[in-house]
């Protein structure tokens, strides 16, 4: 597949989407922006719900690839998750199929495997991408669905997909847990570029994190795409540990990959 030039970026007004609007053009991409809310400073952006199939058909027309970041990003009711994350992702794949778009990069999440026990002791093996789905929330369940949907559209229709199980994409890690899960914005752009430009990806799942000393999962499948992370959350370790203390084995809020999503997840309250 030739390297895509025009890329539809959904969820472009969100936290990660806003950062990728700034960083992805540095790799030569022309971005077409879509979000549920207007994007300040982007008068040509498409304001549409993922339930609006006509708007999606227009949004995907003529693009080379899609980076799908849109949807509810934390826990909510099943009805809201179903509409935004499950039906919305299906609508987008259908629009891509109808328009002949050949690659989708899907923002999955570590919460698709959130109930997987985290590595605790030094030397414990890192969690592989082949670990079975163990979603920790309806949100995580929607990400497991999105991964399987990408697999289906590859086998059935030949649409290539890279599902990225994103850890924590913030300008800097905010918690001790994030010392293991952090994906810096710069590394996120590197990973998206690798997922967009690698040849013959078929369907694959990769983890999305920086080169963290305390990393919990295996980045080998991401590296196979050409991803070379440059940042490391360890630069923030001393400060965060002094403020919050080390993670304690046996703590139900941190004993699984999904952290407090397994016990007391943040809840979406915007609509």
C-alpha atoms as a PDB file:
ATOM      1  CA  UNK A   1       0.000   0.000   0.000  1.00  0.00           C
ATOM      2  CA  UNK A   2       1.451   3.429  -0.901  1.00  0.00           C
ATOM      3  CA  UNK A   3       2.018   5.741   2.033  1.00  0.00           C
ATOM      4  CA  UNK A   4      -1.259   7.616   2.644  1.00  0.00           C
ATOM      5  CA  UNK A   5      -1.292  11.371   2.278  1.00  0.00           C
ATOM      6  CA  UNK A   6      -4.870  12.355   3.092  1.00  0.00           C
ATOM      7  CA  UNK A   7      -6.016  10.968   6.432  1.00  0.00           C
ATOM      8  CA  UNK A   8      -9.374  11.324   8.154  1.00  0.00           C
ATOM      9  CA  UNK A   9      -8.793  11.989  11.855  1.00  0.00           C
ATOM     10  CA  UNK A  10     -11.910  11.308  13.931  1.00  0.00           C
ATOM     11  CA  UNK A  11     -12.156  12.604  17.469  1.00  0.00           C
ATOM     12  CA  UNK A  12     -10.001  15.511  16.361  1.00  0.00           C
ATOM     13  CA  UNK A  13     -11.240  17.822  19.143  1.00  0.00           C
ATOM     14  CA  UNK A  14     -10.343  15.399  21.934  1.00  0.00           C
ATOM     15  CA  UNK A  15      -7.201  15.351  24.032  1.00  0.00           C
ATOM     16  CA  UNK A  16      -5.196  12.958  21.884  1.00  0.00           C
ATOM     17  CA  UNK A  17      -6.849  14.180  18.697  1.00  0.00           C
ATOM     18  CA  UNK A  18      -5.858  17.773  19.411  1.00  0.00           C
ATOM     19  CA  UNK A  19      -2.244  16.745  19.898  1.00  0.00           C
ATOM     20  CA  UNK A  20      -2.220  14.643  16.732  1.00  0.00           C
ATOM     21  CA  UNK A  21      -3.641  17.576  14.740  1.00  0.00           C
ATOM     22  CA  UNK A  22      -0.402  19.365  15.544  1.00  0.00           C
ATOM     23  CA  UNK A  23       2.030  16.458  15.191  1.00  0.00           C
ATOM     24  CA  UNK A  24       0.874  14.260  12.310  1.00  0.00           C
ATOM     25  CA  UNK A  25       1.250  16.923   9.580  1.00  0.00           C
ATOM     26  CA  UNK A  26       4.988  16.902  10.362  1.00  0.00           C
ATOM     27  CA  UNK A  27       5.038  13.448   8.727  1.00  0.00           C
ATOM     28  CA  UNK A  28       3.533  14.798   5.530  1.00  0.00           C
ATOM     29  CA  UNK A  29      -0.134  13.998   6.114  1.00  0.00           C
ATOM     30  CA  UNK A  30      -2.985  16.213   5.055  1.00  0.00           C
ATOM     31  CA  UNK A  31      -5.629  15.803   7.727  1.00  0.00           C
ATOM     32  CA  UNK A  32      -9.377  15.903   7.317  1.00  0.00           C
ATOM     33  CA  UNK A  33     -10.860  16.524  10.759  1.00  0.00           C
ATOM     34  CA  UNK A  34     -14.084  15.164  12.220  1.00  0.00           C
ATOM     35  CA  UNK A  35     -15.596  15.497  15.661  1.00  0.00           C
ATOM     36  CA  UNK A  36     -18.960  15.701  17.385  1.00  0.00           C
ATOM     37  CA  UNK A  37     -18.171  19.282  18.445  1.00  0.00           C
ATOM     38  CA  UNK A  38     -16.789  22.193  16.415  1.00  0.00           C
ATOM     39  CA  UNK A  39     -13.005  22.496  16.353  1.00  0.00           C
ATOM     40  CA  UNK A  40     -11.748  25.967  17.106  1.00  0.00           C
ATOM     41  CA  UNK A  41      -9.455  27.282  14.411  1.00  0.00           C
ATOM     42  CA  UNK A  42     -10.465  24.586  11.917  1.00  0.00           C
ATOM     43  CA  UNK A  43     -13.348  26.005   9.865  1.00  0.00           C
ATOM     44  CA  UNK A  44     -13.179  23.135   7.349  1.00  0.00           C
ATOM     45  CA  UNK A  45     -13.543  20.445  10.003  1.00  0.00           C
ATOM     46  CA  UNK A  46     -16.581  18.197   9.785  1.00  0.00           C
ATOM     47  CA  UNK A  47     -18.921  18.403  12.780  1.00  0.00           C
ATOM     48  CA  UNK A  48     -20.871  15.158  12.866  1.00  0.00           C
ATOM     49  CA  UNK A  49     -21.977  12.269  15.037  1.00  0.00           C
ATOM     50  CA  UNK A  50     -20.757   8.772  14.192  1.00  0.00           C
ATOM     51  CA  UNK A  51     -24.432   7.846  13.899  1.00  0.00           C
ATOM     52  CA  UNK A  52     -24.754  10.180  10.893  1.00  0.00           C
ATOM     53  CA  UNK A  53     -24.034   7.754   8.066  1.00  0.00           C
ATOM     54  CA  UNK A  54     -24.392  10.377   5.336  1.00  0.00           C
ATOM     55  CA  UNK A  55     -21.850  12.615   7.043  1.00  0.00           C
ATOM     56  CA  UNK A  56     -19.447   9.690   7.419  1.00  0.00           C
ATOM     57  CA  UNK A  57     -19.754   8.838   3.737  1.00  0.00           C
ATOM     58  CA  UNK A  58     -18.829  12.411   2.903  1.00  0.00           C
ATOM     59  CA  UNK A  59     -15.990  12.442   5.439  1.00  0.00           C
ATOM     60  CA  UNK A  60     -14.273   9.328   4.054  1.00  0.00           C
ATOM     61  CA  UNK A  61     -14.642  10.250   0.374  1.00  0.00           C
ATOM     62  CA  UNK A  62     -11.195  10.580  -1.211  1.00  0.00           C
ATOM     63  CA  UNK A  63      -9.109   9.829   1.897  1.00  0.00           C
ATOM     64  CA  UNK A  64      -6.268   7.324   1.827  1.00  0.00           C
ATOM     65  CA  UNK A  65      -6.628   6.126   5.423  1.00  0.00           C
ATOM     66  CA  UNK A  66      -8.475   6.752   8.672  1.00  0.00           C
ATOM     67  CA  UNK A  67      -7.200   7.303  12.204  1.00  0.00           C
ATOM     68  CA  UNK A  68     -10.198   6.574  14.410  1.00  0.00           C
ATOM     69  CA  UNK A  69      -9.917   8.256  17.825  1.00  0.00           C
ATOM     70  CA  UNK A  70     -13.574   9.257  18.257  1.00  0.00           C
ATOM     71  CA  UNK A  71     -15.908   7.858  20.890  1.00  0.00           C
ATOM     72  CA  UNK A  72     -16.433   7.804  24.624  1.00  0.00           C
ATOM     73  CA  UNK A  73     -13.007   7.506  26.264  1.00  0.00           C
ATOM     74  CA  UNK A  74     -13.981   6.294  29.752  1.00  0.00           C
ATOM     75  CA  UNK A  75     -16.817   4.270  31.266  1.00  0.00           C
ATOM     76  CA  UNK A  76     -20.490   5.038  30.657  1.00  0.00           C
ATOM     77  CA  UNK A  77     -23.801   3.229  30.434  1.00  0.00           C
ATOM     78  CA  UNK A  78     -23.960   0.361  27.996  1.00  0.00           C
ATOM     79  CA  UNK A  79     -26.515   2.235  25.890  1.00  0.00           C
ATOM     80  CA  UNK A  80     -24.178   5.212  25.429  1.00  0.00           C
ATOM     81  CA  UNK A  81     -21.131   2.999  24.786  1.00  0.00           C
ATOM     82  CA  UNK A  82     -23.144   0.958  22.299  1.00  0.00           C
ATOM     83  CA  UNK A  83     -24.165   4.009  20.295  1.00  0.00           C
ATOM     84  CA  UNK A  84     -20.880   5.915  20.309  1.00  0.00           C
ATOM     85  CA  UNK A  85     -18.198   3.234  20.393  1.00  0.00           C
ATOM     86  CA  UNK A  86     -19.727   0.069  18.982  1.00  0.00           C
ATOM     87  CA  UNK A  87     -22.310   1.222  16.451  1.00  0.00           C
ATOM     88  CA  UNK A  88     -20.215   4.299  15.656  1.00  0.00           C
ATOM     89  CA  UNK A  89     -17.116   2.253  14.853  1.00  0.00           C
ATOM     90  CA  UNK A  90     -19.180  -0.113  12.717  1.00  0.00           C
ATOM     91  CA  UNK A  91     -20.656   2.842  10.835  1.00  0.00           C
ATOM     92  CA  UNK A  92     -17.167   4.166  10.145  1.00  0.00           C
ATOM     93  CA  UNK A  93     -15.897   0.815   8.841  1.00  0.00           C
ATOM     94  CA  UNK A  94     -18.949   0.530   6.598  1.00  0.00           C
ATOM     95  CA  UNK A  95     -18.314   3.994   5.205  1.00  0.00           C
ATOM     96  CA  UNK A  96     -14.672   3.037   4.621  1.00  0.00           C
ATOM     97  CA  UNK A  97     -15.712  -0.147   2.821  1.00  0.00           C
ATOM     98  CA  UNK A  98     -18.157   1.671   0.571  1.00  0.00           C
ATOM     99  CA  UNK A  99     -15.577   4.346  -0.286  1.00  0.00           C
ATOM    100  CA  UNK A 100     -12.719   1.914  -0.909  1.00  0.00           C
ATOM    101  CA  UNK A 101     -10.529   3.146   1.944  1.00  0.00           C
ATOM    102  CA  UNK A 102      -7.888   0.474   2.455  1.00  0.00           C
ATOM    103  CA  UNK A 103      -6.525   1.166   5.949  1.00  0.00           C
ATOM    104  CA  UNK A 104      -7.929   2.073   9.350  1.00  0.00           C
ATOM    105  CA  UNK A 105      -5.860   2.762  12.462  1.00  0.00           C
ATOM    106  CA  UNK A 106      -8.130   2.129  15.420  1.00  0.00           C
ATOM    107  CA  UNK A 107      -7.585   3.586  18.888  1.00  0.00           C
ATOM    108  CA  UNK A 108      -8.083   0.522  21.021  1.00  0.00           C
ATOM    109  CA  UNK A 109      -7.088   0.533  24.680  1.00  0.00           C
ATOM    110  CA  UNK A 110      -5.297  -1.440  27.351  1.00  0.00           C
ATOM    111  CA  UNK A 111      -8.767  -1.679  28.904  1.00  0.00           C
ATOM    112  CA  UNK A 112      -9.648  -4.342  26.322  1.00  0.00           C
ATOM    113  CA  UNK A 113      -7.432  -6.579  28.461  1.00  0.00           C
ATOM    114  CA  UNK A 114      -7.838  -4.606  31.686  1.00  0.00           C
ATOM    115  CA  UNK A 115      -8.510  -7.558  33.997  1.00  0.00           C
ATOM    116  CA  UNK A 116      -5.224  -9.192  32.983  1.00  0.00           C
ATOM    117  CA  UNK A 117      -2.928  -9.240  36.049  1.00  0.00           C
ATOM    118  CA  UNK A 118      -0.107  -6.767  35.668  1.00  0.00           C
ATOM    119  CA  UNK A 119       3.536  -7.838  35.958  1.00  0.00           C
ATOM    120  CA  UNK A 120       4.478  -7.336  39.601  1.00  0.00           C
ATOM    121  CA  UNK A 121       8.018  -8.589  40.195  1.00  0.00           C
ATOM    122  CA  UNK A 122      11.142  -7.511  38.370  1.00  0.00           C
ATOM    123  CA  UNK A 123      11.748  -9.999  35.586  1.00  0.00           C
ATOM    124  CA  UNK A 124       8.069 -10.884  35.095  1.00  0.00           C
ATOM    125  CA  UNK A 125       7.339 -11.302  31.371  1.00  0.00           C
ATOM    126  CA  UNK A 126       5.612  -8.428  29.649  1.00  0.00           C
ATOM    127  CA  UNK A 127       2.017  -9.007  28.595  1.00  0.00           C
ATOM    128  CA  UNK A 128       1.854 -10.144  24.933  1.00  0.00           C
ATOM    129  CA  UNK A 129      -0.631  -8.833  22.382  1.00  0.00           C
ATOM    130  CA  UNK A 130      -1.996 -12.373  22.109  1.00  0.00           C
ATOM    131  CA  UNK A 131      -3.429 -12.305  25.619  1.00  0.00           C
ATOM    132  CA  UNK A 132      -7.173 -12.904  25.505  1.00  0.00           C
ATOM    133  CA  UNK A 133      -9.668 -10.089  25.804  1.00  0.00           C
ATOM    134  CA  UNK A 134     -10.449  -9.350  29.457  1.00  0.00           C
ATOM    135  CA  UNK A 135     -12.304  -6.007  29.315  1.00  0.00           C
ATOM    136  CA  UNK A 136     -12.635  -4.126  32.584  1.00  0.00           C
ATOM    137  CA  UNK A 137     -15.631  -1.911  31.652  1.00  0.00           C
ATOM    138  CA  UNK A 138     -18.245  -1.466  28.951  1.00  0.00           C
ATOM    139  CA  UNK A 139     -15.673   0.943  27.500  1.00  0.00           C
ATOM    140  CA  UNK A 140     -13.064  -1.829  27.425  1.00  0.00           C
ATOM    141  CA  UNK A 141     -15.653  -4.176  25.939  1.00  0.00           C
ATOM    142  CA  UNK A 142     -16.211  -1.699  23.099  1.00  0.00           C
ATOM    143  CA  UNK A 143     -12.484  -1.685  22.384  1.00  0.00           C
ATOM    144  CA  UNK A 144     -12.402  -5.484  22.275  1.00  0.00           C
ATOM    145  CA  UNK A 145     -15.298  -5.275  19.802  1.00  0.00           C
ATOM    146  CA  UNK A 146     -13.416  -2.731  17.698  1.00  0.00           C
ATOM    147  CA  UNK A 147     -10.400  -5.018  17.483  1.00  0.00           C
ATOM    148  CA  UNK A 148     -12.562  -7.940  16.359  1.00  0.00           C
ATOM    149  CA  UNK A 149     -14.404  -5.692  13.916  1.00  0.00           C
ATOM    150  CA  UNK A 150     -11.088  -4.734  12.323  1.00  0.00           C
ATOM    151  CA  UNK A 151     -10.164  -8.406  12.048  1.00  0.00           C
ATOM    152  CA  UNK A 152     -13.508  -9.143  10.375  1.00  0.00           C
ATOM    153  CA  UNK A 153     -13.197  -6.312   7.855  1.00  0.00           C
ATOM    154  CA  UNK A 154      -9.691  -7.495   6.930  1.00  0.00           C
ATOM    155  CA  UNK A 155     -10.749 -11.111   6.402  1.00  0.00           C
ATOM    156  CA  UNK A 156     -14.039 -10.253   4.701  1.00  0.00           C
ATOM    157  CA  UNK A 157     -13.237  -7.104   2.716  1.00  0.00           C
ATOM    158  CA  UNK A 158      -9.447  -6.694   2.689  1.00  0.00           C
ATOM    159  CA  UNK A 159      -9.415  -3.462   4.706  1.00  0.00           C
ATOM    160  CA  UNK A 160      -6.155  -3.375   6.640  1.00  0.00           C
ATOM    161  CA  UNK A 161      -6.350  -2.360  10.290  1.00  0.00           C
ATOM    162  CA  UNK A 162      -3.914  -1.652  13.076  1.00  0.00           C
ATOM    163  CA  UNK A 163      -5.553  -1.647  16.509  1.00  0.00           C
ATOM    164  CA  UNK A 164      -3.411   0.243  19.015  1.00  0.00           C
ATOM    165  CA  UNK A 165      -4.006  -0.595  22.682  1.00  0.00           C
ATOM    166  CA  UNK A 166      -3.175   2.865  23.933  1.00  0.00           C
ATOM    167  CA  UNK A 167      -1.892   3.222  27.464  1.00  0.00           C
ATOM    168  CA  UNK A 168      -2.033   6.797  28.808  1.00  0.00           C
ATOM    169  CA  UNK A 169      -1.448   9.569  26.270  1.00  0.00           C
ATOM    170  CA  UNK A 170      -0.839  12.762  28.234  1.00  0.00           C
ATOM    171  CA  UNK A 171       1.898  15.384  27.941  1.00  0.00           C
ATOM    172  CA  UNK A 172       3.516  13.739  30.973  1.00  0.00           C
ATOM    173  CA  UNK A 173       2.603  10.840  33.282  1.00  0.00           C
ATOM    174  CA  UNK A 174       0.246  11.889  36.071  1.00  0.00           C
ATOM    175  CA  UNK A 175       0.350   8.816  38.324  1.00  0.00           C
ATOM    176  CA  UNK A 176       2.774   6.100  39.357  1.00  0.00           C
ATOM    177  CA  UNK A 177       0.741   3.641  37.252  1.00  0.00           C
ATOM    178  CA  UNK A 178       1.431   5.798  34.212  1.00  0.00           C
ATOM    179  CA  UNK A 179       5.163   5.204  34.665  1.00  0.00           C
ATOM    180  CA  UNK A 180       4.327   1.846  33.051  1.00  0.00           C
ATOM    181  CA  UNK A 181       1.568   2.855  30.615  1.00  0.00           C
ATOM    182  CA  UNK A 182       2.572   6.322  29.385  1.00  0.00           C
ATOM    183  CA  UNK A 183       2.569   7.096  25.656  1.00  0.00           C
ATOM    184  CA  UNK A 184       4.035  10.533  25.062  1.00  0.00           C
ATOM    185  CA  UNK A 185       2.305  12.624  22.383  1.00  0.00           C
ATOM    186  CA  UNK A 186       5.475  12.599  20.286  1.00  0.00           C
ATOM    187  CA  UNK A 187       5.673   8.799  20.487  1.00  0.00           C
ATOM    188  CA  UNK A 188       1.944   8.574  19.742  1.00  0.00           C
ATOM    189  CA  UNK A 189       2.553  10.446  16.482  1.00  0.00           C
ATOM    190  CA  UNK A 190       5.515   8.154  15.708  1.00  0.00           C
ATOM    191  CA  UNK A 191       3.334   5.103  16.301  1.00  0.00           C
ATOM    192  CA  UNK A 192       0.430   6.400  14.220  1.00  0.00           C
ATOM    193  CA  UNK A 193       2.840   7.224  11.403  1.00  0.00           C
ATOM    194  CA  UNK A 194       4.266   3.698  11.581  1.00  0.00           C
ATOM    195  CA  UNK A 195       0.766   2.193  11.544  1.00  0.00           C
ATOM    196  CA  UNK A 196      -0.224   4.338   8.564  1.00  0.00           C
ATOM    197  CA  UNK A 197       2.909   3.803   6.487  1.00  0.00           C
ATOM    198  CA  UNK A 198       4.025   0.199   7.159  1.00  0.00           C
ATOM    199  CA  UNK A 199       3.460  -2.170   4.259  1.00  0.00           C
ATOM    200  CA  UNK A 200       1.209  -5.227   4.303  1.00  0.00           C
ATOM    201  CA  UNK A 201      -0.078  -4.947   7.857  1.00  0.00           C
ATOM    202  CA  UNK A 202      -3.220  -7.020   7.234  1.00  0.00           C
ATOM    203  CA  UNK A 203      -4.803  -6.943  10.651  1.00  0.00           C
ATOM    204  CA  UNK A 204      -2.739  -6.630  13.778  1.00  0.00           C
ATOM    205  CA  UNK A 205      -2.935  -5.490  17.374  1.00  0.00           C
ATOM    206  CA  UNK A 206      -0.114  -3.513  18.979  1.00  0.00           C
ATOM    207  CA  UNK A 207       0.391  -1.900  22.357  1.00  0.00           C
ATOM    208  CA  UNK A 208       0.867   1.849  22.472  1.00  0.00           C
ATOM    209  CA  UNK A 209       3.401   3.066  25.020  1.00  0.00           C
ATOM    210  CA  UNK A 210       6.687   4.878  25.132  1.00  0.00           C
ATOM    211  CA  UNK A 211       9.981   3.139  25.905  1.00  0.00           C
ATOM    212  CA  UNK A 212       9.215   3.094  29.623  1.00  0.00           C
ATOM    213  CA  UNK A 213      11.597   1.385  32.008  1.00  0.00           C
ATOM    214  CA  UNK A 214       8.589  -0.015  33.929  1.00  0.00           C
ATOM    215  CA  UNK A 215       6.639  -1.056  30.821  1.00  0.00           C
ATOM    216  CA  UNK A 216       4.024  -3.776  31.418  1.00  0.00           C
ATOM    217  CA  UNK A 217       3.335  -4.967  27.878  1.00  0.00           C
ATOM    218  CA  UNK A 218       5.269  -6.193  24.889  1.00  0.00           C
ATOM    219  CA  UNK A 219       5.949  -3.582  22.195  1.00  0.00           C
ATOM    220  CA  UNK A 220       7.489  -6.023  19.697  1.00  0.00           C
ATOM    221  CA  UNK A 221       4.496  -6.017  17.328  1.00  0.00           C
ATOM    222  CA  UNK A 222       4.550  -2.198  17.294  1.00  0.00           C
ATOM    223  CA  UNK A 223       8.281  -2.215  16.588  1.00  0.00           C
ATOM    224  CA  UNK A 224       7.645  -4.563  13.663  1.00  0.00           C
ATOM    225  CA  UNK A 225       5.729  -1.699  12.050  1.00  0.00           C
ATOM    226  CA  UNK A 226       8.825   0.488  12.315  1.00  0.00           C
ATOM    227  CA  UNK A 227       7.866   2.199  15.586  1.00  0.00           C
ATOM    228  CA  UNK A 228      10.864   3.400  17.580  1.00  0.00           C
ATOM    229  CA  UNK A 229       9.729   5.123  20.796  1.00  0.00           C
ATOM    230  CA  UNK A 230      12.005   7.887  22.013  1.00  0.00           C
ATOM    231  CA  UNK A 231      10.555   8.873  25.395  1.00  0.00           C
ATOM    232  CA  UNK A 232      10.627   7.216  28.809  1.00  0.00           C
ATOM    233  CA  UNK A 233       8.328   7.930  31.757  1.00  0.00           C
ATOM    234  CA  UNK A 234      11.184   7.155  34.159  1.00  0.00           C
ATOM    235  CA  UNK A 235      12.224  10.804  33.872  1.00  0.00           C
ATOM    236  CA  UNK A 236       9.168  11.585  36.036  1.00  0.00           C
ATOM    237  CA  UNK A 237       9.505   8.647  38.442  1.00  0.00           C
ATOM    238  CA  UNK A 238      11.238  10.274  41.387  1.00  0.00           C
ATOM    239  CA  UNK A 239       8.721  13.105  41.635  1.00  0.00           C
ATOM    240  CA  UNK A 240       5.642  10.881  41.257  1.00  0.00           C
ATOM    241  CA  UNK A 241       6.853   8.237  43.713  1.00  0.00           C
ATOM    242  CA  UNK A 242       7.721  10.901  46.279  1.00  0.00           C
ATOM    243  CA  UNK A 243       4.177  12.258  45.987  1.00  0.00           C
ATOM    244  CA  UNK A 244       2.190   9.026  45.624  1.00  0.00           C
ATOM    245  CA  UNK A 245       4.372   6.123  46.753  1.00  0.00           C
ATOM    246  CA  UNK A 246       5.184   2.933  44.861  1.00  0.00           C
ATOM    247  CA  UNK A 247       2.468   0.568  43.622  1.00  0.00           C
ATOM    248  CA  UNK A 248       1.705  -2.044  46.270  1.00  0.00           C
ATOM    249  CA  UNK A 249       1.050  -5.677  45.270  1.00  0.00           C
ATOM    250  CA  UNK A 250      -2.391  -6.725  46.435  1.00  0.00           C
ATOM    251  CA  UNK A 251      -3.942  -3.296  45.895  1.00  0.00           C
ATOM    252  CA  UNK A 252      -7.130  -3.946  43.866  1.00  0.00           C
ATOM    253  CA  UNK A 253      -6.800  -0.528  42.194  1.00  0.00           C
ATOM    254  CA  UNK A 254      -3.451  -1.413  40.623  1.00  0.00           C
ATOM    255  CA  UNK A 255      -3.161  -5.215  40.470  1.00  0.00           C
ATOM    256  CA  UNK A 256      -4.527  -5.417  36.927  1.00  0.00           C
ATOM    257  CA  UNK A 257      -3.477  -3.764  33.686  1.00  0.00           C
ATOM    258  CA  UNK A 258      -6.640  -1.659  33.751  1.00  0.00           C
ATOM    259  CA  UNK A 259      -5.882  -0.100  37.130  1.00  0.00           C
ATOM    260  CA  UNK A 260      -8.866   1.562  38.792  1.00  0.00           C
ATOM    261  CA  UNK A 261     -11.020   0.939  35.717  1.00  0.00           C
ATOM    262  CA  UNK A 262     -11.399  -2.526  37.272  1.00  0.00           C
ATOM    263  CA  UNK A 263     -12.699  -1.125  40.568  1.00  0.00           C
ATOM    264  CA  UNK A 264     -13.914   2.468  40.259  1.00  0.00           C
ATOM    265  CA  UNK A 265     -13.676   3.711  36.665  1.00  0.00           C
ATOM    266  CA  UNK A 266     -14.067   7.356  35.699  1.00  0.00           C
ATOM    267  CA  UNK A 267     -17.501   7.922  34.164  1.00  0.00           C
ATOM    268  CA  UNK A 268     -18.399   9.902  31.053  1.00  0.00           C
ATOM    269  CA  UNK A 269     -20.910  12.632  31.837  1.00  0.00           C
ATOM    270  CA  UNK A 270     -20.895  14.888  28.766  1.00  0.00           C
ATOM    271  CA  UNK A 271     -24.033  13.571  27.072  1.00  0.00           C
END
